Amino acid sequence: MNSNRQIAIIGGGNLGVAITFGLIESGYLPAENIIVTRRHLAALKPLTEVGVKISSDNAAAVSGADMVILAVKPYQIMDVIAGIRDNFRENQVLVSVVTGVSCGEIKAAIPIPIPIFRAMPNTAIAIRQSMTCISTENASKLQQDFVLSLFSCLGEAIMIEENLMEAATVLGACGTAFAMRYIRANIQGGIEIGFDAATARLIAAQTIKGAAELLLINGTHPESEIDKVTTPKGCTIAGLNEMEHQGFSSALIRGLITSYRKIGKMSH
């Protein structure tokens, strides 16, 4: 536990609150070492019940923190930075989880040279199962390890080049929706072949969870795991081949590329 670290989370929306609870529940940080800010404090009552400090004063929160996490809406970030830019110290670390705003844009808005990180978690951060991709322009190895250790308490975390951040958004954040759509189709198929909806959902979700864990734990390629369940003239290979005839893999890849092109247009 980092009992001496002080973290300020600027923006107590869904993501900011999810990060806060994740840090506490993982044992990474005591609740009293975290301050979360929001304009309307009533929405943060659940945080106060577990010992988190709350405030509507962004500048004061930044002044007392070792790490500042920006978790506001993209359209708010520059106004928020303008209100806290003079409260930063050189030994602080700034992490932005704001979509579509580069480290360079944030760096240009802050008058002193502090290490700036950009992090892209996904919605599974709420249950500490996020895939978080992190990039930085000017941080030391020690500072990178500090930020990685924090987000590793909330799932898996890796460092990537910032020019891959839009791709990470598509694969790791949009990817949650793509996986959900696949699971939904499995449930619909399961109902058609005889299961009630609740049972179909359980079987489909646990099967996907188990398949993912095989890759993560064994470090294997998907095809090697597919080979283990496809027997000659069997039902698995028949189903896989029919899906491929209908464009299954192609549709997924085209969907990913379409999302990537869309996010590219939005960021320019």
C-alpha atoms as a PDB file:
ATOM      1  CA  MET A   1       0.000   0.000   0.000  1.00  0.00           C
ATOM      2  CA  ASN A   2       1.281   3.485  -0.924  1.00  0.00           C
ATOM      3  CA  SER A   3       0.290   5.038   2.396  1.00  0.00           C
ATOM      4  CA  ASN A   4       2.224   8.271   1.799  1.00  0.00           C
ATOM      5  CA  ARG A   5       0.981   8.994  -1.716  1.00  0.00           C
ATOM      6  CA  GLN A   6      -1.696  11.621  -2.186  1.00  0.00           C
ATOM      7  CA  ILE A   7      -3.848  11.437  -5.325  1.00  0.00           C
ATOM      8  CA  ALA A   8      -6.260  14.067  -6.616  1.00  0.00           C
ATOM      9  CA  ILE A   9      -8.862  12.922  -9.130  1.00  0.00           C
ATOM     10  CA  ILE A  10     -10.235  15.944 -10.947  1.00  0.00           C
ATOM     11  CA  GLY A  11     -13.670  14.913 -12.169  1.00  0.00           C
ATOM     12  CA  GLY A  12     -15.949  12.712 -10.084  1.00  0.00           C
ATOM     13  CA  GLY A  13     -17.951  11.211 -12.934  1.00  0.00           C
ATOM     14  CA  ASN A  14     -18.342   7.494 -13.649  1.00  0.00           C
ATOM     15  CA  LEU A  15     -14.701   6.980 -14.612  1.00  0.00           C
ATOM     16  CA  GLY A  16     -13.258   9.040 -11.773  1.00  0.00           C
ATOM     17  CA  VAL A  17     -15.405   7.224  -9.220  1.00  0.00           C
ATOM     18  CA  ALA A  18     -14.544   3.817 -10.721  1.00  0.00           C
ATOM     19  CA  ILE A  19     -10.827   4.586 -10.458  1.00  0.00           C
ATOM     20  CA  THR A  20     -11.282   5.728  -6.861  1.00  0.00           C
ATOM     21  CA  PHE A  21     -13.092   2.595  -5.712  1.00  0.00           C
ATOM     22  CA  GLY A  22     -10.643   0.403  -7.632  1.00  0.00           C
ATOM     23  CA  LEU A  23      -7.635   1.942  -5.885  1.00  0.00           C
ATOM     24  CA  ILE A  24      -9.236   1.483  -2.476  1.00  0.00           C
ATOM     25  CA  GLU A  25     -10.559  -2.046  -3.025  1.00  0.00           C
ATOM     26  CA  SER A  26      -7.229  -3.236  -4.443  1.00  0.00           C
ATOM     27  CA  GLY A  27      -5.425  -1.975  -1.352  1.00  0.00           C
ATOM     28  CA  TYR A  28      -3.234   0.316  -3.459  1.00  0.00           C
ATOM     29  CA  LEU A  29      -4.090   3.402  -1.435  1.00  0.00           C
ATOM     30  CA  PRO A  30      -6.033   4.226   1.738  1.00  0.00           C
ATOM     31  CA  ALA A  31      -9.268   6.116   1.087  1.00  0.00           C
ATOM     32  CA  GLU A  32      -8.120   9.141   3.076  1.00  0.00           C
ATOM     33  CA  ASN A  33      -5.207   9.637   0.637  1.00  0.00           C
ATOM     34  CA  ILE A  34      -7.572  10.358  -2.245  1.00  0.00           C
ATOM     35  CA  ILE A  35      -9.453  13.546  -2.949  1.00  0.00           C
ATOM     36  CA  VAL A  36     -12.067  13.668  -5.711  1.00  0.00           C
ATOM     37  CA  THR A  37     -13.469  16.894  -7.079  1.00  0.00           C
ATOM     38  CA  ARG A  38     -16.781  17.667  -8.681  1.00  0.00           C
ATOM     39  CA  ARG A  39     -18.942  20.750  -8.992  1.00  0.00           C
ATOM     40  CA  HIS A  40     -21.971  19.039  -7.427  1.00  0.00           C
ATOM     41  CA  LEU A  41     -20.734  17.233  -4.325  1.00  0.00           C
ATOM     42  CA  ALA A  42     -23.987  15.423  -3.505  1.00  0.00           C
ATOM     43  CA  ALA A  43     -23.212  12.898  -6.243  1.00  0.00           C
ATOM     44  CA  LEU A  44     -20.010  11.912  -4.417  1.00  0.00           C
ATOM     45  CA  LYS A  45     -21.675  10.883  -1.142  1.00  0.00           C
ATOM     46  CA  PRO A  46     -20.821   7.165  -1.664  1.00  0.00           C
ATOM     47  CA  LEU A  47     -17.132   8.152  -1.665  1.00  0.00           C
ATOM     48  CA  THR A  48     -17.361  10.016   1.621  1.00  0.00           C
ATOM     49  CA  GLU A  49     -18.943   6.943   3.201  1.00  0.00           C
ATOM     50  CA  VAL A  50     -15.722   4.991   2.628  1.00  0.00           C
ATOM     51  CA  GLY A  51     -13.428   7.819   3.766  1.00  0.00           C
ATOM     52  CA  VAL A  52     -12.523   9.590   0.517  1.00  0.00           C
ATOM     53  CA  LYS A  53     -12.162  13.359   0.687  1.00  0.00           C
ATOM     54  CA  ILE A  54     -14.302  15.352  -1.723  1.00  0.00           C
ATOM     55  CA  SER A  55     -14.111  18.958  -2.837  1.00  0.00           C
ATOM     56  CA  SER A  56     -15.344  21.427  -5.416  1.00  0.00           C
ATOM     57  CA  ASP A  57     -11.982  23.250  -5.313  1.00  0.00           C
ATOM     58  CA  ASN A  58      -9.784  21.820  -8.082  1.00  0.00           C
ATOM     59  CA  ALA A  59      -6.856  24.123  -7.363  1.00  0.00           C
ATOM     60  CA  ALA A  60      -6.618  23.162  -3.679  1.00  0.00           C
ATOM     61  CA  ALA A  61      -6.880  19.462  -4.544  1.00  0.00           C
ATOM     62  CA  VAL A  62      -4.010  19.741  -7.027  1.00  0.00           C
ATOM     63  CA  SER A  63      -1.813  21.642  -4.567  1.00  0.00           C
ATOM     64  CA  GLY A  64      -1.866  18.791  -2.051  1.00  0.00           C
ATOM     65  CA  ALA A  65      -1.367  15.866  -4.444  1.00  0.00           C
ATOM     66  CA  ASP A  66       1.599  13.774  -5.609  1.00  0.00           C
ATOM     67  CA  MET A  67      -0.401  12.594  -8.608  1.00  0.00           C
ATOM     68  CA  VAL A  68      -3.234  14.375 -10.383  1.00  0.00           C
ATOM     69  CA  ILE A  69      -5.646  12.372 -12.539  1.00  0.00           C
ATOM     70  CA  LEU A  70      -7.725  14.383 -14.997  1.00  0.00           C
ATOM     71  CA  ALA A  71     -11.030  12.566 -15.560  1.00  0.00           C
ATOM     72  CA  VAL A  72     -13.217  15.278 -17.070  1.00  0.00           C
ATOM     73  CA  LYS A  73     -15.066  15.466 -20.389  1.00  0.00           C
ATOM     74  CA  PRO A  74     -12.929  16.297 -23.453  1.00  0.00           C
ATOM     75  CA  TYR A  75     -14.697  19.628 -23.960  1.00  0.00           C
ATOM     76  CA  GLN A  76     -13.963  20.607 -20.339  1.00  0.00           C
ATOM     77  CA  ILE A  77     -10.272  19.788 -20.097  1.00  0.00           C
ATOM     78  CA  MET A  78      -8.700  23.053 -21.230  1.00  0.00           C
ATOM     79  CA  ASP A  79     -10.972  25.137 -18.999  1.00  0.00           C
ATOM     80  CA  VAL A  80     -10.158  22.843 -16.066  1.00  0.00           C
ATOM     81  CA  ILE A  81      -6.410  23.056 -16.747  1.00  0.00           C
ATOM     82  CA  ALA A  82      -6.654  26.853 -16.956  1.00  0.00           C
ATOM     83  CA  GLY A  83      -8.018  26.826 -13.408  1.00  0.00           C
ATOM     84  CA  ILE A  84      -5.231  24.650 -11.964  1.00  0.00           C
ATOM     85  CA  ARG A  85      -2.190  25.373 -14.166  1.00  0.00           C
ATOM     86  CA  ASP A  86      -0.541  27.595 -11.550  1.00  0.00           C
ATOM     87  CA  ASN A  87      -0.978  25.027  -8.753  1.00  0.00           C
ATOM     88  CA  PHE A  88       1.342  22.365 -10.160  1.00  0.00           C
ATOM     89  CA  ARG A  89       4.774  21.607  -8.683  1.00  0.00           C
ATOM     90  CA  GLU A  90       7.696  20.071 -10.535  1.00  0.00           C
ATOM     91  CA  ASN A  91       7.669  16.857  -8.452  1.00  0.00           C
ATOM     92  CA  GLN A  92       4.057  16.028  -9.366  1.00  0.00           C
ATOM     93  CA  VAL A  93       2.786  13.582 -11.977  1.00  0.00           C
ATOM     94  CA  LEU A  94      -0.207  14.383 -14.188  1.00  0.00           C
ATOM     95  CA  VAL A  95      -2.292  11.611 -15.767  1.00  0.00           C
ATOM     96  CA  SER A  96      -5.081  12.346 -18.240  1.00  0.00           C
ATOM     97  CA  VAL A  97      -7.764   9.747 -18.942  1.00  0.00           C
ATOM     98  CA  VAL A  98      -9.493  12.174 -21.305  1.00  0.00           C
ATOM     99  CA  THR A  99     -10.158  10.781 -24.777  1.00  0.00           C
ATOM    100  CA  GLY A 100      -8.611  12.521 -27.773  1.00  0.00           C
ATOM    101  CA  VAL A 101      -6.363  15.036 -25.962  1.00  0.00           C
ATOM    102  CA  SER A 102      -2.630  14.540 -26.493  1.00  0.00           C
ATOM    103  CA  CYS A 103       0.195  14.865 -23.982  1.00  0.00           C
ATOM    104  CA  GLY A 104       1.552  17.718 -26.096  1.00  0.00           C
ATOM    105  CA  GLU A 105      -1.694  19.682 -25.869  1.00  0.00           C
ATOM    106  CA  ILE A 106      -1.735  19.328 -22.089  1.00  0.00           C
ATOM    107  CA  LYS A 107       1.982  20.134 -21.794  1.00  0.00           C
ATOM    108  CA  ALA A 108       1.471  23.353 -23.769  1.00  0.00           C
ATOM    109  CA  ALA A 109      -1.204  24.499 -21.303  1.00  0.00           C
ATOM    110  CA  ILE A 110       0.908  24.040 -18.147  1.00  0.00           C
ATOM    111  CA  PRO A 111       3.690  26.536 -17.379  1.00  0.00           C
ATOM    112  CA  ILE A 112       6.150  24.173 -15.648  1.00  0.00           C
ATOM    113  CA  PRO A 113       7.728  20.954 -16.994  1.00  0.00           C
ATOM    114  CA  ILE A 114       5.975  18.118 -15.155  1.00  0.00           C
ATOM    115  CA  PRO A 115       5.717  14.516 -16.390  1.00  0.00           C
ATOM    116  CA  ILE A 116       2.474  14.014 -18.294  1.00  0.00           C
ATOM    117  CA  PHE A 117       0.802  10.686 -19.001  1.00  0.00           C
ATOM    118  CA  ARG A 118      -2.159   9.801 -21.161  1.00  0.00           C
ATOM    119  CA  ALA A 119      -4.100   6.681 -20.141  1.00  0.00           C
ATOM    120  CA  MET A 120      -6.901   4.877 -21.959  1.00  0.00           C
ATOM    121  CA  PRO A 121      -8.804   2.471 -19.676  1.00  0.00           C
ATOM    122  CA  ASN A 122     -12.070   0.757 -20.608  1.00  0.00           C
ATOM    123  CA  THR A 123     -15.370   0.348 -18.777  1.00  0.00           C
ATOM    124  CA  ALA A 124     -14.223  -2.862 -17.051  1.00  0.00           C
ATOM    125  CA  ILE A 125     -12.183  -0.585 -14.787  1.00  0.00           C
ATOM    126  CA  ALA A 126     -15.343  -0.497 -12.641  1.00  0.00           C
ATOM    127  CA  ILE A 127     -14.644  -4.136 -11.675  1.00  0.00           C
ATOM    128  CA  ARG A 128     -10.833  -3.841 -11.770  1.00  0.00           C
ATOM    129  CA  GLN A 129     -10.579  -5.722 -15.067  1.00  0.00           C
ATOM    130  CA  SER A 130      -9.635  -2.860 -17.384  1.00  0.00           C
ATOM    131  CA  MET A 131      -7.157  -3.021 -20.225  1.00  0.00           C
ATOM    132  CA  THR A 132      -5.374   0.309 -19.824  1.00  0.00           C
ATOM    133  CA  CYS A 133      -2.903   1.612 -22.407  1.00  0.00           C
ATOM    134  CA  ILE A 134      -0.578   4.381 -21.228  1.00  0.00           C
ATOM    135  CA  SER A 135       1.737   6.761 -23.069  1.00  0.00           C
ATOM    136  CA  THR A 136       4.017   9.592 -21.984  1.00  0.00           C
ATOM    137  CA  GLU A 137       6.288  12.209 -23.497  1.00  0.00           C
ATOM    138  CA  ASN A 138       8.694  13.141 -20.754  1.00  0.00           C
ATOM    139  CA  ALA A 139       8.497  10.797 -17.744  1.00  0.00           C
ATOM    140  CA  SER A 140      11.341   8.893 -16.098  1.00  0.00           C
ATOM    141  CA  LYS A 141      11.351   5.106 -15.743  1.00  0.00           C
ATOM    142  CA  LEU A 142      10.522   5.504 -12.039  1.00  0.00           C
ATOM    143  CA  GLN A 143       7.530   7.704 -12.847  1.00  0.00           C
ATOM    144  CA  GLN A 144       6.373   5.282 -15.543  1.00  0.00           C
ATOM    145  CA  ASP A 145       6.552   2.426 -13.040  1.00  0.00           C
ATOM    146  CA  PHE A 146       4.498   4.499 -10.573  1.00  0.00           C
ATOM    147  CA  VAL A 147       1.706   5.064 -13.094  1.00  0.00           C
ATOM    148  CA  LEU A 148       1.831   1.467 -14.357  1.00  0.00           C
ATOM    149  CA  SER A 149       1.562   0.128 -10.805  1.00  0.00           C
ATOM    150  CA  LEU A 150      -1.527   2.257 -10.197  1.00  0.00           C
ATOM    151  CA  PHE A 151      -3.407   1.122 -13.292  1.00  0.00           C
ATOM    152  CA  SER A 152      -2.248  -2.478 -12.802  1.00  0.00           C
ATOM    153  CA  CYS A 153      -4.405  -2.458  -9.670  1.00  0.00           C
ATOM    154  CA  LEU A 154      -7.366  -1.824 -11.969  1.00  0.00           C
ATOM    155  CA  GLY A 155      -6.702  -4.649 -14.456  1.00  0.00           C
ATOM    156  CA  GLU A 156      -3.901  -4.978 -17.014  1.00  0.00           C
ATOM    157  CA  ALA A 157      -1.765  -1.967 -17.964  1.00  0.00           C
ATOM    158  CA  ILE A 158       0.901  -1.484 -20.640  1.00  0.00           C
ATOM    159  CA  MET A 159       3.016   1.377 -21.991  1.00  0.00           C
ATOM    160  CA  ILE A 160       2.550   2.188 -25.689  1.00  0.00           C
ATOM    161  CA  GLU A 161       3.688   4.921 -28.064  1.00  0.00           C
ATOM    162  CA  GLU A 162       1.269   7.831 -28.092  1.00  0.00           C
ATOM    163  CA  ASN A 163       0.736   7.525 -31.853  1.00  0.00           C
ATOM    164  CA  LEU A 164      -0.990   4.210 -31.103  1.00  0.00           C
ATOM    165  CA  MET A 165      -3.450   5.692 -28.605  1.00  0.00           C
ATOM    166  CA  GLU A 166      -6.313   6.001 -31.113  1.00  0.00           C
ATOM    167  CA  ALA A 167      -5.729   2.379 -32.133  1.00  0.00           C
ATOM    168  CA  ALA A 168      -5.712   1.397 -28.450  1.00  0.00           C
ATOM    169  CA  THR A 169      -9.039   3.165 -28.004  1.00  0.00           C
ATOM    170  CA  VAL A 170     -10.585   1.117 -30.798  1.00  0.00           C
ATOM    171  CA  LEU A 171      -9.102  -2.242 -29.772  1.00  0.00           C
ATOM    172  CA  GLY A 172      -9.373  -1.854 -26.000  1.00  0.00           C
ATOM    173  CA  ALA A 173     -12.340   0.475 -25.418  1.00  0.00           C
ATOM    174  CA  CYS A 174     -14.581   0.093 -28.476  1.00  0.00           C
ATOM    175  CA  GLY A 175     -13.542  -3.549 -28.304  1.00  0.00           C
ATOM    176  CA  THR A 176     -15.669  -4.008 -25.192  1.00  0.00           C
ATOM    177  CA  ALA A 177     -18.771  -3.189 -27.239  1.00  0.00           C
ATOM    178  CA  PHE A 178     -17.655  -5.494 -30.049  1.00  0.00           C
ATOM    179  CA  ALA A 179     -17.194  -8.354 -27.567  1.00  0.00           C
ATOM    180  CA  MET A 180     -20.598  -7.631 -26.011  1.00  0.00           C
ATOM    181  CA  ARG A 181     -22.259  -7.806 -29.410  1.00  0.00           C
ATOM    182  CA  TYR A 182     -20.640 -11.198 -30.031  1.00  0.00           C
ATOM    183  CA  ILE A 183     -21.847 -12.443 -26.639  1.00  0.00           C
ATOM    184  CA  ARG A 184     -25.344 -11.118 -27.351  1.00  0.00           C
ATOM    185  CA  ALA A 185     -25.427 -13.054 -30.616  1.00  0.00           C
ATOM    186  CA  ASN A 186     -24.322 -16.181 -28.734  1.00  0.00           C
ATOM    187  CA  ILE A 187     -27.170 -15.689 -26.275  1.00  0.00           C
ATOM    188  CA  GLN A 188     -29.692 -15.268 -29.084  1.00  0.00           C
ATOM    189  CA  GLY A 189     -28.417 -18.429 -30.728  1.00  0.00           C
ATOM    190  CA  GLY A 190     -28.502 -20.256 -27.413  1.00  0.00           C
ATOM    191  CA  ILE A 191     -32.154 -19.342 -26.937  1.00  0.00           C
ATOM    192  CA  GLU A 192     -32.976 -20.607 -30.425  1.00  0.00           C
ATOM    193  CA  ILE A 193     -31.432 -24.000 -29.690  1.00  0.00           C
ATOM    194  CA  GLY A 194     -33.286 -24.431 -26.420  1.00  0.00           C
ATOM    195  CA  PHE A 195     -31.934 -22.465 -23.454  1.00  0.00           C
ATOM    196  CA  ASP A 196     -33.767 -19.803 -21.493  1.00  0.00           C
ATOM    197  CA  ALA A 197     -32.209 -16.335 -21.691  1.00  0.00           C
ATOM    198  CA  ALA A 198     -30.574 -16.366 -18.238  1.00  0.00           C
ATOM    199  CA  THR A 199     -28.936 -19.763 -18.770  1.00  0.00           C
ATOM    200  CA  ALA A 200     -27.785 -18.824 -22.277  1.00  0.00           C
ATOM    201  CA  ARG A 201     -26.242 -15.613 -20.906  1.00  0.00           C
ATOM    202  CA  LEU A 202     -24.346 -17.489 -18.177  1.00  0.00           C
ATOM    203  CA  ILE A 203     -22.998 -20.125 -20.562  1.00  0.00           C
ATOM    204  CA  ALA A 204     -22.037 -17.560 -23.216  1.00  0.00           C
ATOM    205  CA  ALA A 205     -20.349 -15.103 -20.827  1.00  0.00           C
ATOM    206  CA  GLN A 206     -18.416 -17.726 -18.850  1.00  0.00           C
ATOM    207  CA  THR A 207     -17.294 -19.432 -22.055  1.00  0.00           C
ATOM    208  CA  ILE A 208     -15.906 -16.140 -23.399  1.00  0.00           C
ATOM    209  CA  LYS A 209     -14.249 -15.414 -20.052  1.00  0.00           C
ATOM    210  CA  GLY A 210     -12.634 -18.859 -20.037  1.00  0.00           C
ATOM    211  CA  ALA A 211     -11.456 -18.509 -23.637  1.00  0.00           C
ATOM    212  CA  ALA A 212      -9.802 -15.166 -22.858  1.00  0.00           C
ATOM    213  CA  GLU A 213      -8.134 -16.580 -19.741  1.00  0.00           C
ATOM    214  CA  LEU A 214      -6.651 -19.443 -21.779  1.00  0.00           C
ATOM    215  CA  LEU A 215      -4.848 -16.906 -23.969  1.00  0.00           C
ATOM    216  CA  LEU A 216      -3.768 -14.691 -21.076  1.00  0.00           C
ATOM    217  CA  ILE A 217      -2.555 -17.485 -18.803  1.00  0.00           C
ATOM    218  CA  ASN A 218      -1.091 -19.864 -21.402  1.00  0.00           C
ATOM    219  CA  GLY A 219       0.228 -17.160 -23.742  1.00  0.00           C
ATOM    220  CA  THR A 220      -1.039 -19.186 -26.686  1.00  0.00           C
ATOM    221  CA  HIS A 221      -2.330 -18.114 -30.096  1.00  0.00           C
ATOM    222  CA  PRO A 222      -6.094 -18.388 -30.622  1.00  0.00           C
ATOM    223  CA  GLU A 223      -5.609 -20.914 -33.437  1.00  0.00           C
ATOM    224  CA  SER A 224      -3.782 -23.356 -31.152  1.00  0.00           C
ATOM    225  CA  GLU A 225      -6.741 -23.266 -28.739  1.00  0.00           C
ATOM    226  CA  ILE A 226      -9.171 -23.660 -31.651  1.00  0.00           C
ATOM    227  CA  ASP A 227      -7.238 -26.754 -32.780  1.00  0.00           C
ATOM    228  CA  LYS A 228      -7.910 -28.365 -29.393  1.00  0.00           C
ATOM    229  CA  VAL A 229     -11.693 -28.272 -29.896  1.00  0.00           C
ATOM    230  CA  THR A 230     -11.969 -28.941 -33.631  1.00  0.00           C
ATOM    231  CA  THR A 231     -12.151 -32.625 -34.517  1.00  0.00           C
ATOM    232  CA  PRO A 232     -12.325 -34.047 -38.067  1.00  0.00           C
ATOM    233  CA  LYS A 233     -15.868 -33.814 -39.467  1.00  0.00           C
ATOM    234  CA  GLY A 234     -16.973 -32.352 -36.120  1.00  0.00           C
ATOM    235  CA  CYS A 235     -19.604 -29.766 -35.243  1.00  0.00           C
ATOM    236  CA  THR A 236     -17.099 -27.090 -34.167  1.00  0.00           C
ATOM    237  CA  ILE A 237     -15.260 -26.878 -37.482  1.00  0.00           C
ATOM    238  CA  ALA A 238     -18.570 -26.981 -39.346  1.00  0.00           C
ATOM    239  CA  GLY A 239     -19.804 -23.983 -37.386  1.00  0.00           C
ATOM    240  CA  LEU A 240     -16.506 -22.086 -37.741  1.00  0.00           C
ATOM    241  CA  ASN A 241     -16.405 -22.624 -41.485  1.00  0.00           C
ATOM    242  CA  GLU A 242     -19.999 -21.451 -41.894  1.00  0.00           C
ATOM    243  CA  MET A 243     -19.198 -18.287 -39.919  1.00  0.00           C
ATOM    244  CA  GLU A 244     -16.192 -17.624 -42.143  1.00  0.00           C
ATOM    245  CA  HIS A 245     -18.287 -18.219 -45.283  1.00  0.00           C
ATOM    246  CA  GLN A 246     -20.633 -15.519 -43.946  1.00  0.00           C
ATOM    247  CA  GLY A 247     -17.757 -13.084 -43.433  1.00  0.00           C
ATOM    248  CA  PHE A 248     -17.304 -13.349 -39.650  1.00  0.00           C
ATOM    249  CA  SER A 249     -13.601 -12.435 -39.350  1.00  0.00           C
ATOM    250  CA  SER A 250     -13.816  -9.967 -42.218  1.00  0.00           C
ATOM    251  CA  ALA A 251     -16.760  -8.151 -40.598  1.00  0.00           C
ATOM    252  CA  LEU A 252     -14.870  -7.817 -37.297  1.00  0.00           C
ATOM    253  CA  ILE A 253     -11.740  -6.493 -38.957  1.00  0.00           C
ATOM    254  CA  ARG A 254     -13.714  -4.081 -41.126  1.00  0.00           C
ATOM    255  CA  GLY A 255     -15.568  -2.859 -38.037  1.00  0.00           C
ATOM    256  CA  LEU A 256     -12.299  -2.174 -36.198  1.00  0.00           C
ATOM    257  CA  ILE A 257     -10.856  -0.299 -39.172  1.00  0.00           C
ATOM    258  CA  THR A 258     -14.054   1.732 -39.614  1.00  0.00           C
ATOM    259  CA  SER A 259     -13.928   2.790 -35.948  1.00  0.00           C
ATOM    260  CA  TYR A 260     -10.238   3.663 -36.307  1.00  0.00           C
ATOM    261  CA  ARG A 261     -10.900   5.833 -39.352  1.00  0.00           C
ATOM    262  CA  LYS A 262     -13.741   7.554 -37.509  1.00  0.00           C
ATOM    263  CA  ILE A 263     -11.630   8.364 -34.460  1.00  0.00           C
ATOM    264  CA  GLY A 264      -8.898   9.645 -36.773  1.00  0.00           C
ATOM    265  CA  LYS A 265     -11.291  12.108 -38.388  1.00  0.00           C
ATOM    266  CA  MET A 266     -12.550  13.238 -34.969  1.00  0.00           C
ATOM    267  CA  SER A 267      -9.025  13.982 -33.693  1.00  0.00           C
ATOM    268  CA  HIS A 268      -7.963  16.134 -36.647  1.00  0.00           C
END
